[in-house]
PDB file of N, CA and C in Angstrom:
ATOM      1  N   ASN A   1       0.811  -1.172  -0.016  1.00  0.00           N
ATOM      2  CA  ASN A   1      -0.013  -0.014  -0.015  1.00  0.00           C
ATOM      3  C   ASN A   1       0.876   1.259   0.030  1.00  0.00           C
ATOM      4  N   GLN A   2       0.409   2.257  -0.612  1.00  0.00           N
ATOM      5  CA  GLN A   2       1.179   3.529  -0.658  1.00  0.00           C
ATOM      6  C   GLN A   2       0.262   4.682  -0.228  1.00  0.00           C
ATOM      7  N   LEU A   3       0.789   5.508   0.663  1.00  0.00           N
ATOM      8  CA  LEU A   3      -0.031   6.691   1.085  1.00  0.00           C
ATOM      9  C   LEU A   3       0.870   7.892   1.410  1.00  0.00           C
ATOM     10  N   GLU A   4       0.163   9.014   1.383  1.00  0.00           N
ATOM     11  CA  GLU A   4       0.914  10.257   1.661  1.00  0.00           C
ATOM     12  C   GLU A   4       1.205  10.248   3.212  1.00  0.00           C
ATOM     13  N   LEU A   5       2.423  10.522   3.559  1.00  0.00           N
ATOM     14  CA  LEU A   5       2.744  10.467   5.005  1.00  0.00           C
ATOM     15  C   LEU A   5       3.835  11.531   5.275  1.00  0.00           C
ATOM     16  N   HIS A   6       3.361  12.437   6.106  1.00  0.00           N
ATOM     17  CA  HIS A   6       4.307  13.430   6.735  1.00  0.00           C
ATOM     18  C   HIS A   6       3.627  13.984   7.945  1.00  0.00           C
ATOM     19  N   PRO A   7       4.285  14.759   8.793  1.00  0.00           N
ATOM     20  CA  PRO A   7       3.713  15.155  10.120  1.00  0.00           C
ATOM     21  C   PRO A   7       2.402  15.926   9.971  1.00  0.00           C
ATOM     22  N   TRP A   8       2.045  16.428   8.815  1.00  0.00           N
ATOM     23  CA  TRP A   8       0.837  17.257   8.721  1.00  0.00           C
ATOM     24  C   TRP A   8      -0.358  16.430   8.188  1.00  0.00           C
ATOM     25  N   CYS A   9      -0.205  15.131   8.078  1.00  0.00           N
ATOM     26  CA  CYS A   9      -1.364  14.320   7.649  1.00  0.00           C
ATOM     27  C   CYS A   9      -1.507  12.993   8.458  1.00  0.00           C
ATOM     28  N   THR A  10      -0.978  13.037   9.674  1.00  0.00           N
ATOM     29  CA  THR A  10      -1.059  11.812  10.568  1.00  0.00           C
ATOM     30  C   THR A  10      -2.489  11.397  10.875  1.00  0.00           C
ATOM     31  N   GLU A  11      -3.364  12.392  11.043  1.00  0.00           N
ATOM     32  CA  GLU A  11      -4.761  12.049  11.349  1.00  0.00           C
ATOM     33  C   GLU A  11      -5.396  11.146  10.345  1.00  0.00           C
ATOM     34  N   ALA A  12      -5.125  11.391   9.149  1.00  0.00           N
ATOM     35  CA  ALA A  12      -5.694  10.543   8.023  1.00  0.00           C
ATOM     36  C   ALA A  12      -4.869   9.308   7.822  1.00  0.00           C
ATOM     37  N   ALA A  13      -3.542   9.360   8.040  1.00  0.00           N
ATOM     38  CA  ALA A  13      -2.670   8.204   7.766  1.00  0.00           C
ATOM     39  C   ALA A  13      -2.666   7.122   8.876  1.00  0.00           C
ATOM     40  N   ASP A  14      -2.782   7.575  10.144  1.00  0.00           N
ATOM     41  CA  ASP A  14      -2.697   6.640  11.264  1.00  0.00           C
ATOM     42  C   ASP A  14      -3.624   5.454  11.156  1.00  0.00           C
ATOM     43  N   PRO A  15      -4.902   5.614  10.851  1.00  0.00           N
ATOM     44  CA  PRO A  15      -5.757   4.390  10.751  1.00  0.00           C
ATOM     45  C   PRO A  15      -5.335   3.479   9.638  1.00  0.00           C
ATOM     46  N   VAL A  16      -4.852   3.961   8.519  1.00  0.00           N
ATOM     47  CA  VAL A  16      -4.333   3.134   7.482  1.00  0.00           C
ATOM     48  C   VAL A  16      -3.081   2.381   7.918  1.00  0.00           C
ATOM     49  N   LEU A  17      -2.190   3.066   8.531  1.00  0.00           N
ATOM     50  CA  LEU A  17      -0.992   2.460   9.050  1.00  0.00           C
ATOM     51  C   LEU A  17      -1.258   1.337  10.112  1.00  0.00           C
ATOM     52  N   ASN A  18      -2.190   1.624  10.929  1.00  0.00           N
ATOM     53  CA  ASN A  18      -2.568   0.593  11.973  1.00  0.00           C
ATOM     54  C   ASN A  18      -3.192  -0.624  11.318  1.00  0.00           C
ATOM     55  N   PHE A  19      -4.077  -0.419  10.324  1.00  0.00           N
ATOM     56  CA  PHE A  19      -4.691  -1.463   9.573  1.00  0.00           C
ATOM     57  C   PHE A  19      -3.670  -2.293   8.926  1.00  0.00           C
ATOM     58  N   CYS A  20      -2.714  -1.679   8.181  1.00  0.00           N
ATOM     59  CA  CYS A  20      -1.722  -2.341   7.461  1.00  0.00           C
ATOM     60  C   CYS A  20      -0.772  -3.150   8.399  1.00  0.00           C
ATOM     61  N   ALA A  21      -0.373  -2.523   9.468  1.00  0.00           N
ATOM     62  CA  ALA A  21       0.526  -3.195  10.438  1.00  0.00           C
ATOM     63  C   ALA A  21      -0.099  -4.414  11.016  1.00  0.00           C
ATOM     64  N   ALA A  22      -1.381  -4.353  11.366  1.00  0.00           N
ATOM     65  CA  ALA A  22      -2.075  -5.506  11.935  1.00  0.00           C
ATOM     66  C   ALA A  22      -2.149  -6.652  11.035  1.00  0.00           C
ATOM     67  N   ARG A  23      -2.024  -6.399   9.697  1.00  0.00           N
ATOM     68  CA  ARG A  23      -2.220  -7.443   8.702  1.00  0.00           C
ATOM     69  C   ARG A  23      -0.908  -7.723   7.958  1.00  0.00           C
ATOM     70  N   GLY A  24       0.234  -7.169   8.470  1.00  0.00           N
ATOM     71  CA  GLY A  24       1.498  -7.445   7.831  1.00  0.00           C
ATOM     72  C   GLY A  24       1.664  -6.852   6.427  1.00  0.00           C
ATOM     73  N   ILE A  25       0.922  -5.794   6.098  1.00  0.00           N
ATOM     74  CA  ILE A  25       0.977  -5.178   4.800  1.00  0.00           C
ATOM     75  C   ILE A  25       2.014  -4.076   4.825  1.00  0.00           C
ATOM     76  N   ALA A  26       2.969  -4.132   3.963  1.00  0.00           N
ATOM     77  CA  ALA A  26       3.953  -3.103   3.829  1.00  0.00           C
ATOM     78  C   ALA A  26       3.455  -1.810   3.205  1.00  0.00           C
ATOM     79  N   VAL A  27       3.962  -0.744   3.781  1.00  0.00           N
ATOM     80  CA  VAL A  27       3.484   0.588   3.345  1.00  0.00           C
ATOM     81  C   VAL A  27       4.663   1.436   2.844  1.00  0.00           C
ATOM     82  N   THR A  28       4.441   2.098   1.743  1.00  0.00           N
ATOM     83  CA  THR A  28       5.394   2.979   1.140  1.00  0.00           C
ATOM     84  C   THR A  28       4.827   4.393   1.196  1.00  0.00           C
ATOM     85  N   ALA A  29       5.708   5.352   1.600  1.00  0.00           N
ATOM     86  CA  ALA A  29       5.161   6.716   1.749  1.00  0.00           C
ATOM     87  C   ALA A  29       5.561   7.557   0.504  1.00  0.00           C
ATOM     88  N   PHE A  30       4.695   8.462   0.175  1.00  0.00           N
ATOM     89  CA  PHE A  30       4.989   9.467  -0.814  1.00  0.00           C
ATOM     90  C   PHE A  30       4.745  10.852  -0.179  1.00  0.00           C
ATOM     91  N   ASN A  31       5.296  11.914  -0.758  1.00  0.00           N
ATOM     92  CA  ASN A  31       5.246  13.236  -0.278  1.00  0.00           C
ATOM     93  C   ASN A  31       5.720  13.343   1.212  1.00  0.00           C
ATOM     94  N   SER A  32       6.754  12.540   1.515  1.00  0.00           N
ATOM     95  CA  SER A  32       7.264  12.511   2.901  1.00  0.00           C
ATOM     96  C   SER A  32       7.794  13.846   3.408  1.00  0.00           C
ATOM     97  N   LEU A  33       8.107  14.801   2.433  1.00  0.00           N
ATOM     98  CA  LEU A  33       8.672  16.037   2.834  1.00  0.00           C
ATOM     99  C   LEU A  33       7.542  17.094   2.906  1.00  0.00           C
ATOM    100  N   GLY A  34       6.316  16.709   2.820  1.00  0.00           N
ATOM    101  CA  GLY A  34       5.186  17.609   2.962  1.00  0.00           C
ATOM    102  C   GLY A  34       4.608  18.071   1.657  1.00  0.00           C
ATOM    103  N   GLY A  35       5.205  17.811   0.569  1.00  0.00           N
ATOM    104  CA  GLY A  35       4.635  18.200  -0.722  1.00  0.00           C
ATOM    105  C   GLY A  35       4.826  19.663  -0.977  1.00  0.00           C
ATOM    106  N   ALA A  36       4.328  20.141  -2.108  1.00  0.00           N
ATOM    107  CA  ALA A  36       4.542  21.488  -2.532  1.00  0.00           C
ATOM    108  C   ALA A  36       3.820  22.495  -1.644  1.00  0.00           C
ATOM    109  N   THR A  37       2.749  22.067  -0.972  1.00  0.00           N
ATOM    110  CA  THR A  37       1.924  23.016  -0.181  1.00  0.00           C
ATOM    111  C   THR A  37       2.529  23.268   1.214  1.00  0.00           C
ATOM    112  N   ARG A  38       3.364  22.335   1.657  1.00  0.00           N
ATOM    113  CA  ARG A  38       3.988  22.439   3.018  1.00  0.00           C
ATOM    114  C   ARG A  38       5.379  21.889   2.971  1.00  0.00           C
ATOM    115  N   PRO A  39       6.380  22.559   2.354  1.00  0.00           N
ATOM    116  CA  PRO A  39       7.668  22.030   2.288  1.00  0.00           C
ATOM    117  C   PRO A  39       8.306  21.845   3.712  1.00  0.00           C
ATOM    118  N   ALA A  40       9.235  20.961   3.732  1.00  0.00           N
ATOM    119  CA  ALA A  40       9.848  20.468   4.975  1.00  0.00           C
ATOM    120  C   ALA A  40      10.305  21.619   5.909  1.00  0.00           C
ATOM    121  N   ALA A  41      11.116  22.519   5.329  1.00  0.00           N
ATOM    122  CA  ALA A  41      11.693  23.585   6.115  1.00  0.00           C
ATOM    123  C   ALA A  41      10.703  24.651   6.625  1.00  0.00           C
ATOM    124  N   SER A  42       9.430  24.572   6.199  1.00  0.00           N
ATOM    125  CA  SER A  42       8.465  25.596   6.574  1.00  0.00           C
ATOM    126  C   SER A  42       8.052  25.455   7.984  1.00  0.00           C
ATOM    127  N   ALA A  43       8.220  24.346   8.659  1.00  0.00           N
ATOM    128  CA  ALA A  43       7.776  24.172  10.003  1.00  0.00           C
ATOM    129  C   ALA A  43       8.929  24.465  10.955  1.00  0.00           C
ATOM    130  N   TRP A  44       8.737  25.412  11.864  1.00  0.00           N
ATOM    131  CA  TRP A  44       9.865  25.788  12.822  1.00  0.00           C
ATOM    132  C   TRP A  44      10.243  24.526  13.655  1.00  0.00           C
ATOM    133  N   SER A  45       9.290  23.704  14.047  1.00  0.00           N
ATOM    134  CA  SER A  45       9.642  22.571  14.873  1.00  0.00           C
ATOM    135  C   SER A  45      10.570  21.590  14.163  1.00  0.00           C
ATOM    136  N   VAL A  46      10.321  21.382  12.888  1.00  0.00           N
ATOM    137  CA  VAL A  46      11.143  20.492  12.072  1.00  0.00           C
ATOM    138  C   VAL A  46      12.589  21.089  12.007  1.00  0.00           C
ATOM    139  N   ASP A  47      12.620  22.357  11.684  1.00  0.00           N
ATOM    140  CA  ASP A  47      13.839  23.052  11.524  1.00  0.00           C
ATOM    141  C   ASP A  47      14.653  23.035  12.893  1.00  0.00           C
ATOM    142  N   ALA A  48      13.980  23.255  13.918  1.00  0.00           N
ATOM    143  CA  ALA A  48      14.623  23.265  15.263  1.00  0.00           C
ATOM    144  C   ALA A  48      15.212  21.891  15.594  1.00  0.00           C
ATOM    145  N   VAL A  49      14.481  20.846  15.418  1.00  0.00           N
ATOM    146  CA  VAL A  49      14.909  19.495  15.756  1.00  0.00           C
ATOM    147  C   VAL A  49      16.074  19.131  14.727  1.00  0.00           C
ATOM    148  N   ALA A  50      15.919  19.446  13.508  1.00  0.00           N
ATOM    149  CA  ALA A  50      17.013  19.155  12.525  1.00  0.00           C
ATOM    150  C   ALA A  50      18.312  19.826  12.895  1.00  0.00           C
ATOM    151  N   ARG A  51      18.195  21.163  13.263  1.00  0.00           N
ATOM    152  CA  ARG A  51      19.416  21.836  13.635  1.00  0.00           C
ATOM    153  C   ARG A  51      20.077  21.208  14.906  1.00  0.00           C
ATOM    154  N   ALA A  52      19.210  20.804  15.838  1.00  0.00           N
ATOM    155  CA  ALA A  52      19.778  20.206  17.106  1.00  0.00           C
ATOM    156  C   ALA A  52      20.496  18.877  16.790  1.00  0.00           C
ATOM    157  N   ARG A  53      20.016  18.185  15.776  1.00  0.00           N
ATOM    158  CA  ARG A  53      20.590  16.892  15.367  1.00  0.00           C
ATOM    159  C   ARG A  53      21.701  16.995  14.386  1.00  0.00           C
ATOM    160  N   ASN A  54      21.905  18.202  13.803  1.00  0.00           N
ATOM    161  CA  ASN A  54      22.875  18.494  12.783  1.00  0.00           C
ATOM    162  C   ASN A  54      22.539  17.655  11.498  1.00  0.00           C
ATOM    163  N   VAL A  55      21.244  17.704  11.117  1.00  0.00           N
ATOM    164  CA  VAL A  55      20.825  17.073   9.877  1.00  0.00           C
ATOM    165  C   VAL A  55      19.938  18.051   9.209  1.00  0.00           C
ATOM    166  N   THR A  56      19.603  17.816   7.916  1.00  0.00           N
ATOM    167  CA  THR A  56      18.719  18.666   7.167  1.00  0.00           C
ATOM    168  C   THR A  56      17.238  18.373   7.480  1.00  0.00           C
ATOM    169  N   ALA A  57      16.394  19.391   7.254  1.00  0.00           N
ATOM    170  CA  ALA A  57      14.933  19.149   7.492  1.00  0.00           C
ATOM    171  C   ALA A  57      14.428  17.932   6.650  1.00  0.00           C
ATOM    172  N   PRO A  58      14.783  17.820   5.408  1.00  0.00           N
ATOM    173  CA  PRO A  58      14.335  16.617   4.624  1.00  0.00           C
ATOM    174  C   PRO A  58      14.844  15.330   5.257  1.00  0.00           C
ATOM    175  N   GLN A  59      16.099  15.275   5.762  1.00  0.00           N
ATOM    176  CA  GLN A  59      16.611  14.032   6.370  1.00  0.00           C
ATOM    177  C   GLN A  59      15.763  13.773   7.573  1.00  0.00           C
ATOM    178  N   LEU A  60      15.422  14.739   8.373  1.00  0.00           N
ATOM    179  CA  LEU A  60      14.656  14.543   9.600  1.00  0.00           C
ATOM    180  C   LEU A  60      13.287  14.011   9.272  1.00  0.00           C
ATOM    181  N   LEU A  61      12.580  14.545   8.244  1.00  0.00           N
ATOM    182  CA  LEU A  61      11.288  14.047   7.888  1.00  0.00           C
ATOM    183  C   LEU A  61      11.342  12.675   7.365  1.00  0.00           C
ATOM    184  N   LEU A  62      12.334  12.324   6.534  1.00  0.00           N
ATOM    185  CA  LEU A  62      12.499  10.887   6.059  1.00  0.00           C
ATOM    186  C   LEU A  62      12.744   9.984   7.218  1.00  0.00           C
ATOM    187  N   ARG A  63      13.546  10.392   8.217  1.00  0.00           N
ATOM    188  CA  ARG A  63      13.746   9.558   9.379  1.00  0.00           C
ATOM    189  C   ARG A  63      12.428   9.390  10.130  1.00  0.00           C
ATOM    190  N   TRP A  64      11.668  10.456  10.268  1.00  0.00           N
ATOM    191  CA  TRP A  64      10.431  10.428  10.970  1.00  0.00           C
ATOM    192  C   TRP A  64       9.503   9.338  10.417  1.00  0.00           C
ATOM    193  N   ALA A  65       9.395   9.299   9.054  1.00  0.00           N
ATOM    194  CA  ALA A  65       8.616   8.277   8.381  1.00  0.00           C
ATOM    195  C   ALA A  65       9.219   6.900   8.566  1.00  0.00           C
ATOM    196  N   MET A  66      10.535   6.769   8.482  1.00  0.00           N
ATOM    197  CA  MET A  66      11.154   5.485   8.660  1.00  0.00           C
ATOM    198  C   MET A  66      10.954   4.956  10.087  1.00  0.00           C
ATOM    199  N   ASP A  67      10.944   5.825  11.025  1.00  0.00           N
ATOM    200  CA  ASP A  67      10.674   5.416  12.432  1.00  0.00           C
ATOM    201  C   ASP A  67       9.241   4.834  12.642  1.00  0.00           C
ATOM    202  N   ARG A  68       8.370   5.243  11.708  1.00  0.00           N
ATOM    203  CA  ARG A  68       6.944   4.729  11.741  1.00  0.00           C
ATOM    204  C   ARG A  68       6.838   3.395  11.034  1.00  0.00           C
ATOM    205  N   GLY A  69       7.961   2.852  10.519  1.00  0.00           N
ATOM    206  CA  GLY A  69       7.911   1.509   9.917  1.00  0.00           C
ATOM    207  C   GLY A  69       7.499   1.568   8.483  1.00  0.00           C
ATOM    208  N   VAL A  70       7.646   2.753   7.865  1.00  0.00           N
ATOM    209  CA  VAL A  70       7.238   2.964   6.509  1.00  0.00           C
ATOM    210  C   VAL A  70       8.414   3.066   5.577  1.00  0.00           C
ATOM    211  N   ALA A  71       8.343   2.444   4.425  1.00  0.00           N
ATOM    212  CA  ALA A  71       9.381   2.607   3.403  1.00  0.00           C
ATOM    213  C   ALA A  71       9.254   3.910   2.758  1.00  0.00           C
ATOM    214  N   VAL A  72      10.337   4.661   2.637  1.00  0.00           N
ATOM    215  CA  VAL A  72      10.299   5.918   1.930  1.00  0.00           C
ATOM    216  C   VAL A  72      11.096   5.897   0.615  1.00  0.00           C
ATOM    217  N   VAL A  73      10.514   6.454  -0.405  1.00  0.00           N
ATOM    218  CA  VAL A  73      11.217   6.456  -1.716  1.00  0.00           C
ATOM    219  C   VAL A  73      11.169   7.905  -2.218  1.00  0.00           C
ATOM    220  N   PRO A  74      12.064   8.761  -1.606  1.00  0.00           N
ATOM    221  CA  PRO A  74      12.062  10.166  -1.973  1.00  0.00           C
ATOM    222  C   PRO A  74      12.571  10.343  -3.424  1.00  0.00           C
ATOM    223  N   GLY A  75      11.939  11.295  -4.086  1.00  0.00           N
ATOM    224  CA  GLY A  75      12.417  11.741  -5.425  1.00  0.00           C
ATOM    225  C   GLY A  75      13.548  12.654  -5.227  1.00  0.00           C
ATOM    226  N   ALA A  76      14.402  12.730  -6.242  1.00  0.00           N
ATOM    227  CA  ALA A  76      15.556  13.600  -6.214  1.00  0.00           C
ATOM    228  C   ALA A  76      15.873  13.971  -7.621  1.00  0.00           C
ATOM    229  N   THR A  77      16.249  15.211  -7.849  1.00  0.00           N
ATOM    230  CA  THR A  77      16.589  15.649  -9.195  1.00  0.00           C
ATOM    231  C   THR A  77      18.053  16.011  -9.368  1.00  0.00           C
ATOM    232  N   SER A  78      18.794  15.847  -8.271  1.00  0.00           N
ATOM    233  CA  SER A  78      20.219  16.209  -8.370  1.00  0.00           C
ATOM    234  C   SER A  78      21.009  15.194  -7.614  1.00  0.00           C
ATOM    235  N   ARG A  79      22.268  15.116  -7.939  1.00  0.00           N
ATOM    236  CA  ARG A  79      23.210  14.212  -7.241  1.00  0.00           C
ATOM    237  C   ARG A  79      23.273  14.557  -5.724  1.00  0.00           C
ATOM    238  N   ALA A  80      23.272  15.904  -5.448  1.00  0.00           N
ATOM    239  CA  ALA A  80      23.339  16.327  -4.044  1.00  0.00           C
ATOM    240  C   ALA A  80      22.114  15.877  -3.245  1.00  0.00           C
ATOM    241  N   HIS A  81      20.930  15.960  -3.846  1.00  0.00           N
ATOM    242  CA  HIS A  81      19.753  15.451  -3.170  1.00  0.00           C
ATOM    243  C   HIS A  81      19.709  14.005  -2.947  1.00  0.00           C
ATOM    244  N   ILE A  82      20.250  13.243  -3.935  1.00  0.00           N
ATOM    245  CA  ILE A  82      20.296  11.758  -3.805  1.00  0.00           C
ATOM    246  C   ILE A  82      21.231  11.425  -2.676  1.00  0.00           C
ATOM    247  N   GLN A  83      22.402  12.094  -2.607  1.00  0.00           N
ATOM    248  CA  GLN A  83      23.379  11.823  -1.533  1.00  0.00           C
ATOM    249  C   GLN A  83      22.777  12.232  -0.150  1.00  0.00           C
ATOM    250  N   GLU A  84      22.013  13.290  -0.059  1.00  0.00           N
ATOM    251  CA  GLU A  84      21.428  13.709   1.131  1.00  0.00           C
ATOM    252  C   GLU A  84      20.383  12.666   1.591  1.00  0.00           C
ATOM    253  N   ASN A  85      19.619  12.190   0.644  1.00  0.00           N
ATOM    254  CA  ASN A  85      18.602  11.129   0.965  1.00  0.00           C
ATOM    255  C   ASN A  85      19.224   9.875   1.416  1.00  0.00           C
ATOM    256  N   VAL A  86      20.309   9.395   0.762  1.00  0.00           N
ATOM    257  CA  VAL A  86      21.039   8.211   1.186  1.00  0.00           C
ATOM    258  C   VAL A  86      21.592   8.406   2.580  1.00  0.00           C
ATOM    259  N   ALA A  87      22.065   9.544   2.898  1.00  0.00           N
ATOM    260  CA  ALA A  87      22.683   9.829   4.171  1.00  0.00           C
ATOM    261  C   ALA A  87      21.668   9.727   5.346  1.00  0.00           C
ATOM    262  N   THR A  88      20.388   9.790   5.007  1.00  0.00           N
ATOM    263  CA  THR A  88      19.315   9.659   6.015  1.00  0.00           C
ATOM    264  C   THR A  88      19.457   8.291   6.728  1.00  0.00           C
ATOM    265  N   CYS A  89      19.931   7.299   6.059  1.00  0.00           N
ATOM    266  CA  CYS A  89      20.106   5.994   6.697  1.00  0.00           C
ATOM    267  C   CYS A  89      21.008   6.009   7.885  1.00  0.00           C
ATOM    268  N   ALA A  90      21.944   6.973   7.918  1.00  0.00           N
ATOM    269  CA  ALA A  90      22.831   7.129   9.035  1.00  0.00           C
ATOM    270  C   ALA A  90      22.265   7.917  10.212  1.00  0.00           C
ATOM    271  N   VAL A  91      21.180   8.523  10.016  1.00  0.00           N
ATOM    272  CA  VAL A  91      20.423   9.366  11.023  1.00  0.00           C
ATOM    273  C   VAL A  91      19.738   8.364  11.989  1.00  0.00           C
ATOM    274  N   GLY A  92      20.075   8.427  13.304  1.00  0.00           N
ATOM    275  CA  GLY A  92      19.512   7.523  14.274  1.00  0.00           C
ATOM    276  C   GLY A  92      18.040   7.817  14.514  1.00  0.00           C
ATOM    277  N   PRO A  93      17.323   6.825  15.093  1.00  0.00           N
ATOM    278  CA  PRO A  93      15.954   6.992  15.385  1.00  0.00           C
ATOM    279  C   PRO A  93      15.650   8.257  16.189  1.00  0.00           C
ATOM    280  N   LEU A  94      14.524   8.887  16.004  1.00  0.00           N
ATOM    281  CA  LEU A  94      14.162  10.043  16.762  1.00  0.00           C
ATOM    282  C   LEU A  94      13.614   9.608  18.172  1.00  0.00           C
ATOM    283  N   THR A  95      13.845  10.510  19.113  1.00  0.00           N
ATOM    284  CA  THR A  95      13.335  10.252  20.438  1.00  0.00           C
ATOM    285  C   THR A  95      11.809  10.548  20.461  1.00  0.00           C
ATOM    286  N   ALA A  96      11.131  10.032  21.568  1.00  0.00           N
ATOM    287  CA  ALA A  96       9.686  10.351  21.670  1.00  0.00           C
ATOM    288  C   ALA A  96       9.461  11.892  21.729  1.00  0.00           C
ATOM    289  N   GLU A  97      10.323  12.531  22.397  1.00  0.00           N
ATOM    290  CA  GLU A  97      10.191  14.001  22.461  1.00  0.00           C
ATOM    291  C   GLU A  97      10.349  14.699  21.138  1.00  0.00           C
ATOM    292  N   GLU A  98      11.234  14.208  20.301  1.00  0.00           N
ATOM    293  CA  GLU A  98      11.400  14.768  18.967  1.00  0.00           C
ATOM    294  C   GLU A  98      10.183  14.476  18.120  1.00  0.00           C
ATOM    295  N   HIS A  99       9.686  13.266  18.167  1.00  0.00           N
ATOM    296  CA  HIS A  99       8.435  12.931  17.445  1.00  0.00           C
ATOM    297  C   HIS A  99       7.354  13.894  17.816  1.00  0.00           C
ATOM    298  N   THR A 100       7.150  14.125  19.102  1.00  0.00           N
ATOM    299  CA  THR A 100       6.104  15.014  19.656  1.00  0.00           C
ATOM    300  C   THR A 100       6.267  16.373  19.106  1.00  0.00           C
ATOM    301  N   ALA A 101       7.510  16.886  19.214  1.00  0.00           N
ATOM    302  CA  ALA A 101       7.827  18.264  18.740  1.00  0.00           C
ATOM    303  C   ALA A 101       7.498  18.394  17.217  1.00  0.00           C
ATOM    304  N   ILE A 102       7.833  17.425  16.448  1.00  0.00           N
ATOM    305  CA  ILE A 102       7.613  17.499  14.972  1.00  0.00           C
ATOM    306  C   ILE A 102       6.089  17.513  14.658  1.00  0.00           C
ATOM    307  N   THR A 103       5.328  16.709  15.360  1.00  0.00           N
ATOM    308  CA  THR A 103       3.946  16.616  14.985  1.00  0.00           C
ATOM    309  C   THR A 103       2.992  17.591  15.682  1.00  0.00           C
ATOM    310  N   ALA A 104       3.623  18.359  16.678  1.00  0.00           N
ATOM    311  CA  ALA A 104       2.773  19.315  17.439  1.00  0.00           C
ATOM    312  C   ALA A 104       2.281  20.416  16.555  1.00  0.00           C
TER     313      ALA A 104
END
């Protein structure tokens, strides 16, 4: 299953994620960076947590989705963005406090 997943759509996504998890259905996320209407860096909480962890806002949002057990397949149009996305794998899991701050 594939669904839009970022901190600004959890209310709609959570029931689907729970349904899929209970049935062992893999989920892939799209628009993990918030899409064109809500780009990653536009949220002060995302920016603050990213700066505290010394990562970029897109890396933080991809990690947020990965922490939820979702596969992320971010698009990239440049070598730099591809490298940034790959480096997300080295970003450790977020703390409960960081998850709360991002979704608040």
